[in-house]
Amino acid sequence: MSFPNAITGHVRGRVQGVGFRYFAKSRAEELGLSGWVKNLPDGTVQFMAKGDEIGLERFMQYLRIGPPGSRVDGLVFQRHTESGEFEGFEIRG
């Protein structure tokens, strides 16, 4: 039986142009997570993070707050089992 070890989702609000991706990358690295974060054309930030349950929960808490200057209006995510391997946590697009 596989347990969810990853989350994917979107953050909406004032999350572009405020260092949100760098904030997410820094928090993910602190928590030992792998994955990626990127800006989308609709003004949201998309992410995928893989790691242990405690790290994923803390990462979600950080994303709900965001960095100074940001405003998080919504966070939608889904838990799933991710079999792919990632080298660290990267910023895409």
C-alpha atoms as a PDB file:
ATOM      1  CA  MET A   1       0.000   0.000   0.000  1.00  0.00           C
ATOM      2  CA  SER A   2       1.370   3.421  -0.990  1.00  0.00           C
ATOM      3  CA  PHE A   3       0.860   6.514   1.079  1.00  0.00           C
ATOM      4  CA  PRO A   4       0.711  10.030  -0.383  1.00  0.00           C
ATOM      5  CA  ASN A   5       4.197  11.494  -0.306  1.00  0.00           C
ATOM      6  CA  ALA A   6       3.664  14.539  -2.512  1.00  0.00           C
ATOM      7  CA  ILE A   7       1.416  17.538  -2.985  1.00  0.00           C
ATOM      8  CA  THR A   8       0.625  19.604  -6.051  1.00  0.00           C
ATOM      9  CA  GLY A   9      -1.347  22.792  -6.150  1.00  0.00           C
ATOM     10  CA  HIS A  10      -1.809  26.479  -6.881  1.00  0.00           C
ATOM     11  CA  VAL A  11      -1.563  29.610  -4.768  1.00  0.00           C
ATOM     12  CA  ARG A  12      -3.564  32.668  -5.784  1.00  0.00           C
ATOM     13  CA  GLY A  13      -3.458  36.273  -4.636  1.00  0.00           C
ATOM     14  CA  ARG A  14      -0.580  38.715  -4.884  1.00  0.00           C
ATOM     15  CA  VAL A  15       1.978  35.961  -5.348  1.00  0.00           C
ATOM     16  CA  GLN A  16       3.956  37.078  -8.392  1.00  0.00           C
ATOM     17  CA  GLY A  17       6.572  39.819  -8.277  1.00  0.00           C
ATOM     18  CA  VAL A  18       6.952  39.491  -4.495  1.00  0.00           C
ATOM     19  CA  GLY A  19       9.576  36.721  -4.229  1.00  0.00           C
ATOM     20  CA  PHE A  20       7.040  33.969  -3.626  1.00  0.00           C
ATOM     21  CA  ARG A  21       8.891  31.337  -5.676  1.00  0.00           C
ATOM     22  CA  TYR A  22      12.172  32.051  -3.875  1.00  0.00           C
ATOM     23  CA  PHE A  23      10.365  31.925  -0.539  1.00  0.00           C
ATOM     24  CA  ALA A  24       8.819  28.556  -1.438  1.00  0.00           C
ATOM     25  CA  LYS A  25      12.173  27.166  -2.612  1.00  0.00           C
ATOM     26  CA  SER A  26      13.923  28.289   0.566  1.00  0.00           C
ATOM     27  CA  ARG A  27      11.249  26.803   2.851  1.00  0.00           C
ATOM     28  CA  ALA A  28      11.193  23.537   0.872  1.00  0.00           C
ATOM     29  CA  GLU A  29      14.973  23.196   1.126  1.00  0.00           C
ATOM     30  CA  GLU A  30      14.854  23.868   4.890  1.00  0.00           C
ATOM     31  CA  LEU A  31      12.316  21.060   5.216  1.00  0.00           C
ATOM     32  CA  GLY A  32      14.227  18.610   3.014  1.00  0.00           C
ATOM     33  CA  LEU A  33      11.584  18.541   0.285  1.00  0.00           C
ATOM     34  CA  SER A  34      12.164  18.099  -3.425  1.00  0.00           C
ATOM     35  CA  GLY A  35      10.073  19.393  -6.318  1.00  0.00           C
ATOM     36  CA  TRP A  36       9.458  22.684  -8.096  1.00  0.00           C
ATOM     37  CA  VAL A  37       7.550  25.965  -8.118  1.00  0.00           C
ATOM     38  CA  LYS A  38       6.618  28.205 -11.052  1.00  0.00           C
ATOM     39  CA  ASN A  39       4.587  31.243 -12.073  1.00  0.00           C
ATOM     40  CA  LEU A  40       1.607  30.682 -14.340  1.00  0.00           C
ATOM     41  CA  PRO A  41       0.238  33.165 -16.905  1.00  0.00           C
ATOM     42  CA  ASP A  42      -2.997  33.585 -14.910  1.00  0.00           C
ATOM     43  CA  GLY A  43      -1.077  35.174 -12.002  1.00  0.00           C
ATOM     44  CA  THR A  44      -1.041  32.104  -9.762  1.00  0.00           C
ATOM     45  CA  VAL A  45       1.926  30.103  -8.539  1.00  0.00           C
ATOM     46  CA  GLN A  46       1.953  26.347  -9.126  1.00  0.00           C
ATOM     47  CA  PHE A  47       3.988  23.920  -7.043  1.00  0.00           C
ATOM     48  CA  MET A  48       4.843  20.264  -6.554  1.00  0.00           C
ATOM     49  CA  ALA A  49       6.595  19.086  -3.412  1.00  0.00           C
ATOM     50  CA  LYS A  50       7.676  15.629  -2.359  1.00  0.00           C
ATOM     51  CA  GLY A  51       8.837  14.502   1.070  1.00  0.00           C
ATOM     52  CA  ASP A  52       7.742  13.280   4.471  1.00  0.00           C
ATOM     53  CA  GLU A  53       4.358  14.103   5.985  1.00  0.00           C
ATOM     54  CA  ILE A  54       5.660  16.571   8.579  1.00  0.00           C
ATOM     55  CA  GLY A  55       7.696  18.469   5.990  1.00  0.00           C
ATOM     56  CA  LEU A  56       4.756  18.675   3.595  1.00  0.00           C
ATOM     57  CA  GLU A  57       2.432  19.957   6.342  1.00  0.00           C
ATOM     58  CA  ARG A  58       4.921  22.666   7.355  1.00  0.00           C
ATOM     59  CA  PHE A  59       5.467  23.626   3.725  1.00  0.00           C
ATOM     60  CA  MET A  60       1.718  24.126   3.291  1.00  0.00           C
ATOM     61  CA  GLN A  61       1.638  26.311   6.401  1.00  0.00           C
ATOM     62  CA  TYR A  62       4.397  28.494   4.943  1.00  0.00           C
ATOM     63  CA  LEU A  63       2.602  28.772   1.594  1.00  0.00           C
ATOM     64  CA  ARG A  64      -0.614  29.897   3.298  1.00  0.00           C
ATOM     65  CA  ILE A  65       1.299  32.859   4.784  1.00  0.00           C
ATOM     66  CA  GLY A  66       3.772  33.675   2.005  1.00  0.00           C
ATOM     67  CA  PRO A  67       6.698  36.101   2.141  1.00  0.00           C
ATOM     68  CA  PRO A  68       6.430  39.749   3.230  1.00  0.00           C
ATOM     69  CA  GLY A  69       4.681  41.771   0.535  1.00  0.00           C
ATOM     70  CA  SER A  70       2.574  38.872  -0.674  1.00  0.00           C
ATOM     71  CA  ARG A  71      -1.114  38.233  -0.075  1.00  0.00           C
ATOM     72  CA  VAL A  72      -2.424  34.691  -0.264  1.00  0.00           C
ATOM     73  CA  ASP A  73      -6.113  34.626  -1.181  1.00  0.00           C
ATOM     74  CA  GLY A  74      -6.357  30.910  -1.763  1.00  0.00           C
ATOM     75  CA  LEU A  75      -4.442  27.676  -1.760  1.00  0.00           C
ATOM     76  CA  VAL A  76      -5.699  24.590  -3.561  1.00  0.00           C
ATOM     77  CA  PHE A  77      -3.741  21.355  -3.352  1.00  0.00           C
ATOM     78  CA  GLN A  78      -3.994  17.638  -3.831  1.00  0.00           C
ATOM     79  CA  ARG A  79      -2.068  14.850  -2.146  1.00  0.00           C
ATOM     80  CA  HIS A  80      -0.785  11.998  -4.251  1.00  0.00           C
ATOM     81  CA  THR A  81       1.902   9.361  -4.516  1.00  0.00           C
ATOM     82  CA  GLU A  82       4.834  10.533  -6.621  1.00  0.00           C
ATOM     83  CA  SER A  83       7.238   7.921  -7.907  1.00  0.00           C
ATOM     84  CA  GLY A  84       9.533  10.278  -9.837  1.00  0.00           C
ATOM     85  CA  GLU A  85      12.788  11.453  -8.342  1.00  0.00           C
ATOM     86  CA  PHE A  86      13.742  15.111  -8.150  1.00  0.00           C
ATOM     87  CA  GLU A  87      17.107  16.695  -7.531  1.00  0.00           C
ATOM     88  CA  GLY A  88      16.374  19.241  -4.839  1.00  0.00           C
ATOM     89  CA  PHE A  89      13.765  21.946  -5.229  1.00  0.00           C
ATOM     90  CA  GLU A  90      13.853  24.193  -8.287  1.00  0.00           C
ATOM     91  CA  ILE A  91      12.239  27.324  -9.617  1.00  0.00           C
ATOM     92  CA  ARG A  92      10.739  26.858 -13.062  1.00  0.00           C
ATOM     93  CA  GLY A  93       9.426  29.527 -15.430  1.00  0.00           C
END
